[in-house]
Amino acid sequence: MKRIAVVVMAMAVSLGVMAADNAFEGKTIVMLGDSYVKNHRRPYEESWHAKVASKLGMEYVNFGRNGSSIAFDRTKDGFGPAMTVRYKEMPDSADYVVVIAGHNDADYLRTHGIELWNDFCNGLDTLLAGLKEKYPDAKIGFVTPWAVDRQYFPEVTQQIREACKAHGIKVLDMAAMNVIDVNNPEFRERYFQGPKDTAHLNSEGHDLLLSIGEEFIRGL
C-alpha cells in the first residue's frame, strides 16, 4: 500500500508540474533591452531567457538592440533611439514583458556627465509607465545589470529598484546576487563573450541563470 501511495503521489506531483507548464504554453513573452537581450555577437537563442521560453513552450520575441539605452538617444552612435521610443514599436499584445537594461545608461552618465541624471530618472519612469499602459494585462518584469565596478552602476541600479517598486513591477536584481562575478577576470574568461567584456555572457554563462530566470518568469 505504501508503494502504491508513493507512486500516486509522484504522479500527482508530475501532473501538477505539467499543469503549471501548460499555463505558459503558447503565451507570448517579449524581451526589451540592450545587448543583454540581443546577446551581442552571439545568437540570442543562446541567452537564458530564450532557453527558458523554449522550455516553457512560450512564443518568444527578442526586442534587444546592441548599445540601446533606457533614456538616451544614441542614434548618432549607431545604436538607435532610447527605449522610451523603441517600446512603442513592440508587438501590440504580449502576455509577459521583461526588460533588461541600465548598463548603457550608467556608461552614458559616466561619459556625458551626471547632470543628465534627471533625464535618466524621467526616462526610466516614462518607459515603465508606457509599458504598463501598452500592456495593461501583461506580467511585466525588469532585470538589472550586473554589479559592474564602474561609476554610476550602483546609482542606476538603485533607481531601477525604486522606480519598479513605484510602478508595481517585479525586479530580478542581478546586482545583488553572487551568481555573475562580473569583476573577476577569471570568471569573465570562462563565462563572458570576452575576457574584457563586462556585459555579455556566453552560452555557458547564460546556463548559470537558467533556474534563476525560470523562477523569475514563473513568479511574474
N, C-alpha and C. Protein backbone atom coordinates (compact mmCIF):
# COMPACT_ATOMS: atom_id res chain seq x y z
N MET A 1 0.82 -1.20 0.00
CA MET A 1 0.00 0.00 0.00
C MET A 1 0.86 1.26 0.00
N LYS A 2 1.94 1.22 0.80
CA LYS A 2 2.83 2.37 0.86
C LYS A 2 3.43 2.65 -0.52
N ARG A 3 3.76 1.56 -1.20
CA ARG A 3 4.38 1.70 -2.52
C ARG A 3 3.41 2.35 -3.49
N ILE A 4 2.14 1.93 -3.42
CA ILE A 4 1.10 2.50 -4.29
C ILE A 4 0.91 3.98 -3.97
N ALA A 5 0.91 4.31 -2.67
CA ALA A 5 0.73 5.70 -2.26
C ALA A 5 1.85 6.59 -2.79
N VAL A 6 3.08 6.06 -2.75
CA VAL A 6 4.23 6.81 -3.25
C VAL A 6 4.10 7.06 -4.75
N VAL A 7 3.68 6.02 -5.49
CA VAL A 7 3.50 6.14 -6.93
C VAL A 7 2.42 7.18 -7.26
N VAL A 8 1.31 7.09 -6.52
CA VAL A 8 0.21 8.04 -6.75
C VAL A 8 0.66 9.46 -6.46
N MET A 9 1.42 9.63 -5.38
CA MET A 9 1.90 10.96 -5.02
C MET A 9 2.85 11.49 -6.09
N ALA A 10 3.73 10.64 -6.60
CA ALA A 10 4.67 11.05 -7.65
C ALA A 10 3.92 11.45 -8.91
N MET A 11 2.87 10.71 -9.25
CA MET A 11 2.06 11.05 -10.42
C MET A 11 1.37 12.39 -10.23
N ALA A 12 0.88 12.64 -9.02
CA ALA A 12 0.20 13.90 -8.73
C ALA A 12 1.15 15.08 -8.87
N VAL A 13 2.37 14.90 -8.35
CA VAL A 13 3.38 15.96 -8.47
C VAL A 13 3.71 16.21 -9.93
N SER A 14 3.88 15.12 -10.69
CA SER A 14 4.19 15.23 -12.11
C SER A 14 3.09 15.96 -12.87
N LEU A 15 1.84 15.59 -12.58
CA LEU A 15 0.72 16.25 -13.24
C LEU A 15 0.63 17.71 -12.86
N GLY A 16 1.00 18.02 -11.61
CA GLY A 16 0.99 19.41 -11.18
C GLY A 16 2.01 20.24 -11.92
N VAL A 17 3.21 19.68 -12.12
CA VAL A 17 4.25 20.36 -12.88
C VAL A 17 3.81 20.57 -14.33
N MET A 18 3.21 19.52 -14.92
CA MET A 18 2.74 19.62 -16.30
C MET A 18 1.67 20.70 -16.44
N ALA A 19 0.76 20.75 -15.45
CA ALA A 19 -0.29 21.76 -15.49
C ALA A 19 0.29 23.16 -15.40
N ALA A 20 1.33 23.32 -14.55
CA ALA A 20 1.97 24.62 -14.41
C ALA A 20 2.63 25.04 -15.72
N ASP A 21 3.32 24.08 -16.37
CA ASP A 21 3.96 24.39 -17.64
C ASP A 21 2.93 24.69 -18.72
N ASN A 22 1.81 23.96 -18.71
CA ASN A 22 0.77 24.21 -19.70
C ASN A 22 0.22 25.63 -19.60
N ALA A 23 0.33 26.23 -18.43
CA ALA A 23 -0.14 27.60 -18.26
C ALA A 23 0.71 28.58 -19.06
N PHE A 24 1.93 28.19 -19.42
CA PHE A 24 2.82 29.05 -20.19
C PHE A 24 2.79 28.71 -21.68
N GLU A 25 2.33 27.53 -22.01
CA GLU A 25 2.32 27.05 -23.39
C GLU A 25 1.57 28.03 -24.30
N GLY A 26 2.28 28.52 -25.33
CA GLY A 26 1.66 29.42 -26.30
C GLY A 26 1.58 30.87 -25.88
N LYS A 27 1.97 31.17 -24.63
CA LYS A 27 1.97 32.56 -24.18
C LYS A 27 3.13 33.32 -24.85
N THR A 28 2.92 34.60 -25.09
CA THR A 28 3.95 35.42 -25.73
C THR A 28 4.75 36.18 -24.70
N ILE A 29 6.07 36.05 -24.79
CA ILE A 29 6.97 36.83 -23.94
C ILE A 29 7.81 37.73 -24.83
N VAL A 30 7.83 39.02 -24.53
CA VAL A 30 8.61 39.99 -25.28
C VAL A 30 9.76 40.47 -24.39
N MET A 31 10.97 40.34 -24.89
CA MET A 31 12.15 40.81 -24.17
C MET A 31 12.59 42.14 -24.78
N LEU A 32 12.64 43.17 -23.96
CA LEU A 32 13.07 44.50 -24.39
C LEU A 32 14.38 44.85 -23.69
N GLY A 33 15.32 45.40 -24.44
CA GLY A 33 16.55 45.81 -23.78
C GLY A 33 17.68 46.10 -24.73
N ASP A 34 18.88 45.97 -24.17
CA ASP A 34 20.10 46.28 -24.91
C ASP A 34 20.77 44.99 -25.36
N SER A 35 22.09 44.96 -25.38
CA SER A 35 22.80 43.76 -25.82
C SER A 35 22.71 42.62 -24.83
N TYR A 36 22.29 42.88 -23.59
CA TYR A 36 21.99 41.79 -22.67
C TYR A 36 20.87 40.92 -23.25
N VAL A 37 19.96 41.56 -23.99
CA VAL A 37 18.83 40.87 -24.61
C VAL A 37 19.23 40.36 -26.00
N LYS A 38 19.82 41.23 -26.79
CA LYS A 38 20.24 40.87 -28.15
C LYS A 38 21.32 39.79 -28.14
N ASN A 39 22.07 39.75 -27.04
CA ASN A 39 23.17 38.80 -26.84
C ASN A 39 24.39 39.13 -27.67
N HIS A 40 24.55 40.43 -27.97
CA HIS A 40 25.78 40.97 -28.56
C HIS A 40 26.16 40.24 -29.85
N ARG A 41 27.27 39.53 -29.85
CA ARG A 41 27.78 38.89 -31.06
C ARG A 41 27.39 37.42 -31.19
N ARG A 42 26.62 36.94 -30.25
CA ARG A 42 26.19 35.55 -30.28
C ARG A 42 24.69 35.49 -30.57
N PRO A 43 24.20 34.37 -31.09
CA PRO A 43 22.76 34.24 -31.35
C PRO A 43 21.95 34.39 -30.07
N TYR A 44 20.85 35.10 -30.15
CA TYR A 44 20.05 35.30 -28.94
C TYR A 44 19.44 33.99 -28.44
N GLU A 45 19.41 32.97 -29.29
CA GLU A 45 18.90 31.67 -28.85
C GLU A 45 19.75 31.07 -27.73
N GLU A 46 20.99 31.56 -27.57
CA GLU A 46 21.86 31.06 -26.51
C GLU A 46 21.58 31.73 -25.16
N SER A 47 20.76 32.77 -25.15
CA SER A 47 20.50 33.51 -23.92
C SER A 47 19.61 32.72 -22.97
N TRP A 48 19.72 33.01 -21.68
CA TRP A 48 18.92 32.27 -20.69
C TRP A 48 17.44 32.48 -20.91
N HIS A 49 17.04 33.70 -21.32
CA HIS A 49 15.61 33.98 -21.47
C HIS A 49 15.02 33.24 -22.67
N ALA A 50 15.79 33.10 -23.74
CA ALA A 50 15.31 32.34 -24.89
C ALA A 50 15.20 30.85 -24.54
N LYS A 51 16.17 30.35 -23.80
CA LYS A 51 16.15 28.94 -23.41
C LYS A 51 14.99 28.65 -22.48
N VAL A 52 14.72 29.55 -21.54
CA VAL A 52 13.59 29.35 -20.62
C VAL A 52 12.27 29.41 -21.37
N ALA A 53 12.14 30.37 -22.28
CA ALA A 53 10.91 30.48 -23.06
C ALA A 53 10.66 29.22 -23.88
N SER A 54 11.73 28.68 -24.46
CA SER A 54 11.61 27.45 -25.24
C SER A 54 11.17 26.29 -24.35
N LYS A 55 11.76 26.19 -23.17
CA LYS A 55 11.41 25.11 -22.24
C LYS A 55 9.94 25.18 -21.84
N LEU A 56 9.43 26.40 -21.65
CA LEU A 56 8.05 26.58 -21.21
C LEU A 56 7.04 26.59 -22.36
N GLY A 57 7.55 26.49 -23.60
CA GLY A 57 6.66 26.46 -24.75
C GLY A 57 6.07 27.81 -25.09
N MET A 58 6.80 28.87 -24.77
CA MET A 58 6.29 30.22 -25.00
C MET A 58 6.70 30.75 -26.37
N GLU A 59 5.89 31.65 -26.90
CA GLU A 59 6.25 32.39 -28.11
C GLU A 59 7.20 33.51 -27.68
N TYR A 60 8.39 33.52 -28.28
CA TYR A 60 9.46 34.40 -27.81
C TYR A 60 9.73 35.50 -28.83
N VAL A 61 9.74 36.75 -28.36
CA VAL A 61 10.05 37.90 -29.21
C VAL A 61 11.24 38.63 -28.60
N ASN A 62 12.32 38.74 -29.35
CA ASN A 62 13.53 39.42 -28.87
C ASN A 62 13.57 40.83 -29.44
N PHE A 63 13.41 41.83 -28.56
CA PHE A 63 13.42 43.23 -28.97
C PHE A 63 14.64 43.93 -28.37
N GLY A 64 15.76 43.20 -28.39
CA GLY A 64 17.01 43.77 -27.90
C GLY A 64 17.77 44.46 -29.02
N ARG A 65 18.57 45.44 -28.64
CA ARG A 65 19.41 46.14 -29.61
C ARG A 65 20.73 46.51 -28.93
N ASN A 66 21.82 46.14 -29.57
CA ASN A 66 23.13 46.46 -29.02
C ASN A 66 23.27 47.97 -28.83
N GLY A 67 23.76 48.37 -27.65
CA GLY A 67 24.00 49.78 -27.37
C GLY A 67 22.79 50.58 -26.95
N SER A 68 21.63 49.95 -26.92
CA SER A 68 20.40 50.68 -26.62
C SER A 68 20.39 51.16 -25.17
N SER A 69 19.79 52.33 -24.96
CA SER A 69 19.71 52.93 -23.64
C SER A 69 18.25 53.11 -23.24
N ILE A 70 18.00 53.10 -21.96
CA ILE A 70 16.64 53.36 -21.47
C ILE A 70 16.21 54.77 -21.83
N ALA A 71 17.06 55.74 -21.54
CA ALA A 71 16.64 57.14 -21.57
C ALA A 71 17.33 58.01 -22.61
N PHE A 72 18.44 57.56 -23.19
CA PHE A 72 19.24 58.44 -24.03
C PHE A 72 19.23 57.98 -25.49
N ASP A 73 18.99 58.94 -26.38
CA ASP A 73 19.01 58.66 -27.82
C ASP A 73 20.47 58.49 -28.26
N ARG A 74 20.77 57.32 -28.82
CA ARG A 74 22.14 57.04 -29.26
C ARG A 74 22.20 56.79 -30.76
N THR A 75 21.28 57.42 -31.48
CA THR A 75 21.22 57.26 -32.93
C THR A 75 22.53 57.69 -33.58
N LYS A 76 23.11 58.79 -33.13
CA LYS A 76 24.36 59.28 -33.73
C LYS A 76 25.51 58.31 -33.51
N ASP A 77 25.40 57.48 -32.49
CA ASP A 77 26.43 56.48 -32.22
C ASP A 77 26.16 55.16 -32.95
N GLY A 78 25.03 55.10 -33.66
CA GLY A 78 24.67 53.89 -34.39
C GLY A 78 23.85 52.90 -33.59
N PHE A 79 23.37 53.32 -32.40
CA PHE A 79 22.64 52.41 -31.52
C PHE A 79 21.16 52.71 -31.42
N GLY A 80 20.68 53.68 -32.16
CA GLY A 80 19.24 53.92 -32.25
C GLY A 80 18.67 54.75 -31.12
N PRO A 81 17.37 54.97 -31.16
CA PRO A 81 16.69 55.79 -30.15
C PRO A 81 16.59 55.09 -28.80
N ALA A 82 16.20 55.85 -27.81
CA ALA A 82 16.04 55.31 -26.45
C ALA A 82 14.88 54.32 -26.40
N MET A 83 14.86 53.51 -25.37
CA MET A 83 13.77 52.54 -25.20
C MET A 83 12.44 53.22 -24.93
N THR A 84 12.48 54.48 -24.49
CA THR A 84 11.24 55.24 -24.31
C THR A 84 10.52 55.45 -25.63
N VAL A 85 11.26 55.31 -26.72
CA VAL A 85 10.69 55.39 -28.07
C VAL A 85 10.53 53.99 -28.65
N ARG A 86 11.52 53.15 -28.46
CA ARG A 86 11.54 51.83 -29.09
C ARG A 86 10.39 50.94 -28.64
N TYR A 87 9.98 51.05 -27.37
CA TYR A 87 8.94 50.13 -26.88
C TYR A 87 7.63 50.29 -27.65
N LYS A 88 7.42 51.45 -28.24
CA LYS A 88 6.19 51.71 -28.97
C LYS A 88 6.11 50.88 -30.26
N GLU A 89 7.23 50.37 -30.71
CA GLU A 89 7.29 49.54 -31.91
C GLU A 89 7.16 48.05 -31.59
N MET A 90 7.04 47.72 -30.33
CA MET A 90 6.89 46.33 -29.93
C MET A 90 5.52 45.80 -30.31
N PRO A 91 5.33 44.48 -30.32
CA PRO A 91 4.01 43.92 -30.66
C PRO A 91 2.90 44.54 -29.81
N ASP A 92 1.72 44.63 -30.38
CA ASP A 92 0.61 45.27 -29.69
C ASP A 92 0.11 44.48 -28.49
N SER A 93 0.36 43.19 -28.48
CA SER A 93 -0.09 42.38 -27.35
C SER A 93 1.02 41.45 -26.89
N ALA A 94 1.03 41.18 -25.61
CA ALA A 94 2.00 40.26 -25.02
C ALA A 94 1.45 39.79 -23.69
N ASP A 95 1.82 38.58 -23.32
CA ASP A 95 1.41 38.04 -22.03
C ASP A 95 2.46 38.34 -20.95
N TYR A 96 3.72 38.39 -21.38
CA TYR A 96 4.83 38.70 -20.49
C TYR A 96 5.75 39.69 -21.19
N VAL A 97 6.23 40.66 -20.43
CA VAL A 97 7.22 41.62 -20.93
C VAL A 97 8.34 41.70 -19.90
N VAL A 98 9.56 41.47 -20.35
CA VAL A 98 10.71 41.55 -19.45
C VAL A 98 11.73 42.51 -20.05
N VAL A 99 12.15 43.47 -19.24
CA VAL A 99 13.15 44.46 -19.64
C VAL A 99 14.48 44.11 -18.99
N ILE A 100 15.55 44.14 -19.77
CA ILE A 100 16.90 44.01 -19.23
C ILE A 100 17.68 45.21 -19.74
N ALA A 101 18.02 46.14 -18.85
CA ALA A 101 18.64 47.38 -19.30
C ALA A 101 19.26 48.12 -18.13
N GLY A 102 20.01 49.16 -18.46
CA GLY A 102 20.64 50.02 -17.46
C GLY A 102 22.13 50.14 -17.63
N HIS A 103 22.76 49.12 -18.23
CA HIS A 103 24.22 49.12 -18.42
C HIS A 103 24.66 50.33 -19.24
N ASN A 104 24.01 50.55 -20.37
CA ASN A 104 24.41 51.65 -21.25
C ASN A 104 24.07 53.02 -20.66
N ASP A 105 23.02 53.07 -19.84
CA ASP A 105 22.68 54.34 -19.18
C ASP A 105 23.76 54.73 -18.18
N ALA A 106 24.26 53.75 -17.43
CA ALA A 106 25.32 54.03 -16.46
C ALA A 106 26.58 54.52 -17.18
N ASP A 107 26.93 53.86 -18.26
CA ASP A 107 28.12 54.28 -19.01
C ASP A 107 27.91 55.64 -19.67
N TYR A 108 26.69 55.90 -20.12
CA TYR A 108 26.38 57.20 -20.74
C TYR A 108 26.53 58.33 -19.72
N LEU A 109 26.05 58.12 -18.53
CA LEU A 109 26.19 59.12 -17.47
C LEU A 109 27.66 59.34 -17.13
N ARG A 110 28.42 58.27 -17.16
CA ARG A 110 29.85 58.37 -16.84
C ARG A 110 30.60 59.20 -17.88
N THR A 111 30.24 59.04 -19.14
CA THR A 111 30.96 59.73 -20.21
C THR A 111 30.38 61.10 -20.58
N HIS A 112 29.09 61.31 -20.28
CA HIS A 112 28.44 62.57 -20.68
C HIS A 112 28.10 63.48 -19.51
N GLY A 113 28.21 62.99 -18.29
CA GLY A 113 28.02 63.86 -17.13
C GLY A 113 26.80 63.52 -16.29
N ILE A 114 26.99 63.61 -14.98
CA ILE A 114 25.93 63.27 -14.04
C ILE A 114 24.81 64.31 -14.06
N GLU A 115 25.04 65.45 -14.70
CA GLU A 115 23.96 66.44 -14.82
C GLU A 115 22.79 65.91 -15.63
N LEU A 116 22.99 64.77 -16.31
CA LEU A 116 21.90 64.13 -17.07
C LEU A 116 21.12 63.13 -16.21
N TRP A 117 21.39 63.13 -14.92
CA TRP A 117 20.75 62.16 -14.03
C TRP A 117 19.23 62.26 -14.08
N ASN A 118 18.71 63.47 -14.01
CA ASN A 118 17.25 63.63 -14.04
C ASN A 118 16.66 63.13 -15.35
N ASP A 119 17.40 63.28 -16.44
CA ASP A 119 16.93 62.76 -17.73
C ASP A 119 16.80 61.24 -17.67
N PHE A 120 17.78 60.60 -17.03
CA PHE A 120 17.69 59.14 -16.88
C PHE A 120 16.48 58.75 -16.04
N CYS A 121 16.32 59.41 -14.89
CA CYS A 121 15.20 59.06 -14.00
C CYS A 121 13.86 59.28 -14.68
N ASN A 122 13.73 60.38 -15.39
CA ASN A 122 12.47 60.67 -16.08
C ASN A 122 12.23 59.68 -17.21
N GLY A 123 13.30 59.31 -17.92
CA GLY A 123 13.17 58.34 -19.00
C GLY A 123 12.76 56.97 -18.48
N LEU A 124 13.36 56.55 -17.38
CA LEU A 124 13.00 55.26 -16.77
C LEU A 124 11.54 55.26 -16.36
N ASP A 125 11.10 56.33 -15.73
CA ASP A 125 9.70 56.43 -15.32
C ASP A 125 8.76 56.41 -16.52
N THR A 126 9.16 57.11 -17.57
CA THR A 126 8.35 57.13 -18.80
C THR A 126 8.23 55.75 -19.42
N LEU A 127 9.34 55.00 -19.45
CA LEU A 127 9.33 53.66 -20.02
C LEU A 127 8.41 52.74 -19.23
N LEU A 128 8.54 52.73 -17.91
CA LEU A 128 7.74 51.83 -17.10
C LEU A 128 6.26 52.17 -17.18
N ALA A 129 5.95 53.46 -17.14
CA ALA A 129 4.55 53.88 -17.27
C ALA A 129 4.00 53.52 -18.64
N GLY A 130 4.82 53.69 -19.67
CA GLY A 130 4.39 53.37 -21.02
C GLY A 130 4.12 51.89 -21.22
N LEU A 131 4.98 51.05 -20.65
CA LEU A 131 4.77 49.60 -20.76
C LEU A 131 3.50 49.17 -20.04
N LYS A 132 3.26 49.75 -18.87
CA LYS A 132 2.04 49.42 -18.13
C LYS A 132 0.79 49.82 -18.91
N GLU A 133 0.88 50.96 -19.60
CA GLU A 133 -0.27 51.42 -20.38
C GLU A 133 -0.45 50.58 -21.64
N LYS A 134 0.64 50.25 -22.29
CA LYS A 134 0.58 49.48 -23.54
C LYS A 134 0.14 48.04 -23.29
N TYR A 135 0.55 47.49 -22.16
CA TYR A 135 0.25 46.09 -21.83
C TYR A 135 -0.44 46.01 -20.46
N PRO A 136 -1.68 46.48 -20.36
CA PRO A 136 -2.36 46.53 -19.05
C PRO A 136 -2.60 45.16 -18.43
N ASP A 137 -2.64 44.11 -19.24
CA ASP A 137 -2.94 42.77 -18.72
C ASP A 137 -1.71 41.86 -18.68
N ALA A 138 -0.56 42.39 -19.09
CA ALA A 138 0.64 41.57 -19.16
C ALA A 138 1.36 41.52 -17.81
N LYS A 139 2.14 40.46 -17.62
CA LYS A 139 3.03 40.35 -16.48
C LYS A 139 4.35 41.02 -16.89
N ILE A 140 4.78 42.03 -16.15
CA ILE A 140 5.95 42.81 -16.53
C ILE A 140 7.03 42.66 -15.47
N GLY A 141 8.27 42.43 -15.92
CA GLY A 141 9.40 42.30 -15.02
C GLY A 141 10.60 43.07 -15.53
N PHE A 142 11.56 43.31 -14.65
CA PHE A 142 12.77 44.07 -15.00
C PHE A 142 13.97 43.35 -14.40
N VAL A 143 15.01 43.17 -15.21
CA VAL A 143 16.25 42.55 -14.76
C VAL A 143 17.34 43.61 -14.76
N THR A 144 18.00 43.80 -13.63
CA THR A 144 19.05 44.82 -13.53
C THR A 144 20.34 44.34 -14.20
N PRO A 145 21.26 45.28 -14.47
CA PRO A 145 22.61 44.88 -14.90
C PRO A 145 23.34 44.16 -13.77
N TRP A 146 24.49 43.57 -14.10
CA TRP A 146 25.35 43.01 -13.06
C TRP A 146 25.92 44.16 -12.23
N ALA A 147 26.57 43.83 -11.13
CA ALA A 147 27.19 44.83 -10.26
C ALA A 147 28.57 45.20 -10.80
N VAL A 148 28.59 45.85 -11.96
CA VAL A 148 29.85 46.24 -12.59
C VAL A 148 30.54 47.30 -11.74
N ASP A 149 31.82 47.12 -11.54
CA ASP A 149 32.59 48.03 -10.69
C ASP A 149 33.02 49.26 -11.49
N ARG A 150 32.02 50.04 -11.89
CA ARG A 150 32.28 51.31 -12.58
C ARG A 150 31.33 52.37 -12.05
N GLN A 151 31.70 53.60 -12.27
CA GLN A 151 30.92 54.73 -11.78
C GLN A 151 29.49 54.70 -12.30
N TYR A 152 28.55 54.99 -11.42
CA TYR A 152 27.12 55.16 -11.66
C TYR A 152 26.34 53.86 -11.84
N PHE A 153 27.01 52.71 -11.85
CA PHE A 153 26.25 51.46 -11.90
C PHE A 153 25.41 51.26 -10.63
N PRO A 154 25.97 51.51 -9.44
CA PRO A 154 25.12 51.36 -8.23
C PRO A 154 23.94 52.31 -8.23
N GLU A 155 24.16 53.56 -8.65
CA GLU A 155 23.09 54.54 -8.64
C GLU A 155 21.99 54.20 -9.64
N VAL A 156 22.39 53.78 -10.82
CA VAL A 156 21.40 53.40 -11.84
C VAL A 156 20.59 52.19 -11.36
N THR A 157 21.27 51.21 -10.80
CA THR A 157 20.57 50.01 -10.33
C THR A 157 19.60 50.34 -9.20
N GLN A 158 20.02 51.19 -8.28
CA GLN A 158 19.14 51.58 -7.19
C GLN A 158 17.91 52.32 -7.70
N GLN A 159 18.10 53.16 -8.71
CA GLN A 159 16.96 53.87 -9.28
C GLN A 159 16.00 52.92 -9.98
N ILE A 160 16.53 51.90 -10.62
CA ILE A 160 15.67 50.88 -11.23
C ILE A 160 14.84 50.19 -10.15
N ARG A 161 15.46 49.83 -9.05
CA ARG A 161 14.73 49.20 -7.95
C ARG A 161 13.58 50.08 -7.48
N GLU A 162 13.89 51.35 -7.24
CA GLU A 162 12.89 52.26 -6.69
C GLU A 162 11.76 52.54 -7.68
N ALA A 163 12.12 52.76 -8.95
CA ALA A 163 11.11 53.06 -9.96
C ALA A 163 10.19 51.86 -10.19
N CYS A 164 10.77 50.68 -10.24
CA CYS A 164 9.95 49.48 -10.44
C CYS A 164 9.02 49.25 -9.25
N LYS A 165 9.50 49.51 -8.06
CA LYS A 165 8.65 49.37 -6.88
C LYS A 165 7.47 50.35 -6.97
N ALA A 166 7.75 51.58 -7.40
CA ALA A 166 6.69 52.59 -7.51
C ALA A 166 5.65 52.20 -8.55
N HIS A 167 6.07 51.47 -9.59
CA HIS A 167 5.15 51.08 -10.67
C HIS A 167 4.60 49.66 -10.48
N GLY A 168 4.96 49.02 -9.39
CA GLY A 168 4.47 47.67 -9.14
C GLY A 168 5.03 46.63 -10.09
N ILE A 169 6.29 46.79 -10.48
CA ILE A 169 6.95 45.87 -11.41
C ILE A 169 8.00 45.07 -10.67
N LYS A 170 7.97 43.75 -10.83
CA LYS A 170 8.91 42.89 -10.13
C LYS A 170 10.31 43.00 -10.74
N VAL A 171 11.30 42.88 -9.87
CA VAL A 171 12.70 43.04 -10.28
C VAL A 171 13.49 41.77 -9.99
N LEU A 172 14.27 41.33 -10.98
CA LEU A 172 15.29 40.31 -10.76
C LEU A 172 16.60 41.08 -10.59
N ASP A 173 17.04 41.21 -9.36
CA ASP A 173 18.15 42.09 -9.02
C ASP A 173 19.48 41.33 -9.13
N MET A 174 20.02 41.31 -10.34
CA MET A 174 21.26 40.59 -10.56
C MET A 174 22.45 41.27 -9.90
N ALA A 175 22.34 42.57 -9.64
CA ALA A 175 23.43 43.28 -8.97
C ALA A 175 23.57 42.87 -7.51
N ALA A 176 22.50 42.33 -6.94
CA ALA A 176 22.51 41.94 -5.53
C ALA A 176 22.80 40.46 -5.34
N MET A 177 22.99 39.73 -6.45
CA MET A 177 23.23 38.29 -6.36
C MET A 177 24.69 37.99 -6.66
N ASN A 178 25.16 36.85 -6.17
CA ASN A 178 26.57 36.47 -6.34
C ASN A 178 26.78 35.47 -7.47
N VAL A 179 25.82 35.37 -8.35
CA VAL A 179 25.90 34.35 -9.41
C VAL A 179 26.87 34.77 -10.51
N ILE A 180 26.79 36.02 -10.93
CA ILE A 180 27.64 36.52 -12.02
C ILE A 180 28.73 37.39 -11.42
N ASP A 181 29.93 36.83 -11.32
CA ASP A 181 31.07 37.51 -10.69
C ASP A 181 31.77 38.38 -11.75
N VAL A 182 31.08 39.44 -12.16
CA VAL A 182 31.49 40.21 -13.33
C VAL A 182 32.84 40.89 -13.17
N ASN A 183 33.25 41.19 -11.95
CA ASN A 183 34.50 41.91 -11.75
C ASN A 183 35.71 40.99 -11.57
N ASN A 184 35.49 39.70 -11.74
CA ASN A 184 36.54 38.69 -11.63
C ASN A 184 37.03 38.31 -13.02
N PRO A 185 38.29 38.64 -13.37
CA PRO A 185 38.81 38.34 -14.72
C PRO A 185 38.73 36.87 -15.09
N GLU A 186 38.99 35.98 -14.14
CA GLU A 186 38.94 34.54 -14.43
C GLU A 186 37.52 34.09 -14.73
N PHE A 187 36.55 34.66 -14.01
CA PHE A 187 35.15 34.34 -14.27
C PHE A 187 34.76 34.82 -15.66
N ARG A 188 35.15 36.04 -16.01
CA ARG A 188 34.82 36.58 -17.34
C ARG A 188 35.47 35.75 -18.44
N GLU A 189 36.67 35.30 -18.22
CA GLU A 189 37.36 34.48 -19.21
C GLU A 189 36.56 33.23 -19.55
N ARG A 190 35.90 32.68 -18.57
CA ARG A 190 35.15 31.44 -18.79
C ARG A 190 33.71 31.68 -19.23
N TYR A 191 33.06 32.69 -18.66
CA TYR A 191 31.61 32.80 -18.83
C TYR A 191 31.12 33.99 -19.66
N PHE A 192 32.01 34.89 -20.02
CA PHE A 192 31.62 36.04 -20.84
C PHE A 192 32.11 35.86 -22.27
N GLN A 193 31.64 36.73 -23.15
CA GLN A 193 32.00 36.62 -24.55
C GLN A 193 33.42 37.11 -24.85
N GLY A 194 34.09 37.62 -23.86
CA GLY A 194 35.47 38.03 -23.97
C GLY A 194 36.01 38.37 -22.60
N PRO A 195 37.31 38.26 -22.38
CA PRO A 195 37.88 38.48 -21.04
C PRO A 195 37.72 39.90 -20.52
N LYS A 196 37.57 40.87 -21.43
CA LYS A 196 37.39 42.26 -21.01
C LYS A 196 35.91 42.68 -21.04
N ASP A 197 35.06 41.78 -21.42
CA ASP A 197 33.62 42.04 -21.52
C ASP A 197 33.01 42.06 -20.12
N THR A 198 32.20 43.08 -19.84
CA THR A 198 31.51 43.15 -18.55
C THR A 198 29.99 43.12 -18.71
N ALA A 199 29.53 42.74 -19.89
CA ALA A 199 28.09 42.77 -20.14
C ALA A 199 27.53 41.45 -20.67
N HIS A 200 28.26 40.78 -21.57
CA HIS A 200 27.65 39.74 -22.40
C HIS A 200 28.14 38.34 -22.05
N LEU A 201 27.22 37.53 -21.59
CA LEU A 201 27.55 36.14 -21.25
C LEU A 201 27.67 35.28 -22.51
N ASN A 202 28.49 34.24 -22.43
CA ASN A 202 28.47 33.22 -23.47
C ASN A 202 27.40 32.19 -23.10
N SER A 203 27.26 31.17 -23.92
CA SER A 203 26.19 30.20 -23.68
C SER A 203 26.34 29.53 -22.32
N GLU A 204 27.56 29.20 -21.95
CA GLU A 204 27.80 28.57 -20.65
C GLU A 204 27.44 29.52 -19.51
N GLY A 205 27.74 30.81 -19.71
CA GLY A 205 27.38 31.80 -18.70
C GLY A 205 25.88 31.95 -18.55
N HIS A 206 25.17 31.95 -19.67
CA HIS A 206 23.71 32.03 -19.62
C HIS A 206 23.11 30.84 -18.88
N ASP A 207 23.75 29.69 -19.01
CA ASP A 207 23.23 28.49 -18.33
C ASP A 207 23.24 28.64 -16.81
N LEU A 208 24.12 29.50 -16.30
CA LEU A 208 24.16 29.74 -14.86
C LEU A 208 22.87 30.39 -14.36
N LEU A 209 22.13 31.02 -15.28
CA LEU A 209 20.94 31.76 -14.90
C LEU A 209 19.64 31.04 -15.25
N LEU A 210 19.72 29.84 -15.77
CA LEU A 210 18.51 29.17 -16.23
C LEU A 210 17.49 28.98 -15.12
N SER A 211 17.89 28.43 -14.00
CA SER A 211 16.94 28.17 -12.93
C SER A 211 16.46 29.48 -12.30
N ILE A 212 17.36 30.44 -12.15
CA ILE A 212 17.00 31.74 -11.57
C ILE A 212 16.02 32.47 -12.49
N GLY A 213 16.33 32.48 -13.79
CA GLY A 213 15.47 33.16 -14.74
C GLY A 213 14.10 32.50 -14.86
N GLU A 214 14.09 31.17 -14.85
CA GLU A 214 12.81 30.46 -14.94
C GLU A 214 11.94 30.76 -13.72
N GLU A 215 12.56 30.74 -12.55
CA GLU A 215 11.80 31.04 -11.33
C GLU A 215 11.23 32.46 -11.39
N PHE A 216 12.02 33.39 -11.91
CA PHE A 216 11.56 34.78 -12.01
C PHE A 216 10.36 34.90 -12.95
N ILE A 217 10.46 34.28 -14.14
CA ILE A 217 9.35 34.36 -15.10
C ILE A 217 8.11 33.67 -14.56
N ARG A 218 8.29 32.52 -13.92
CA ARG A 218 7.17 31.82 -13.32
C ARG A 218 6.51 32.68 -12.24
N GLY A 219 7.32 33.46 -11.53
CA GLY A 219 6.81 34.25 -10.43
C GLY A 219 6.13 35.54 -10.83
N LEU A 220 6.25 35.90 -12.11
CA LEU A 220 5.61 37.14 -12.55
C LEU A 220 4.09 37.01 -12.52
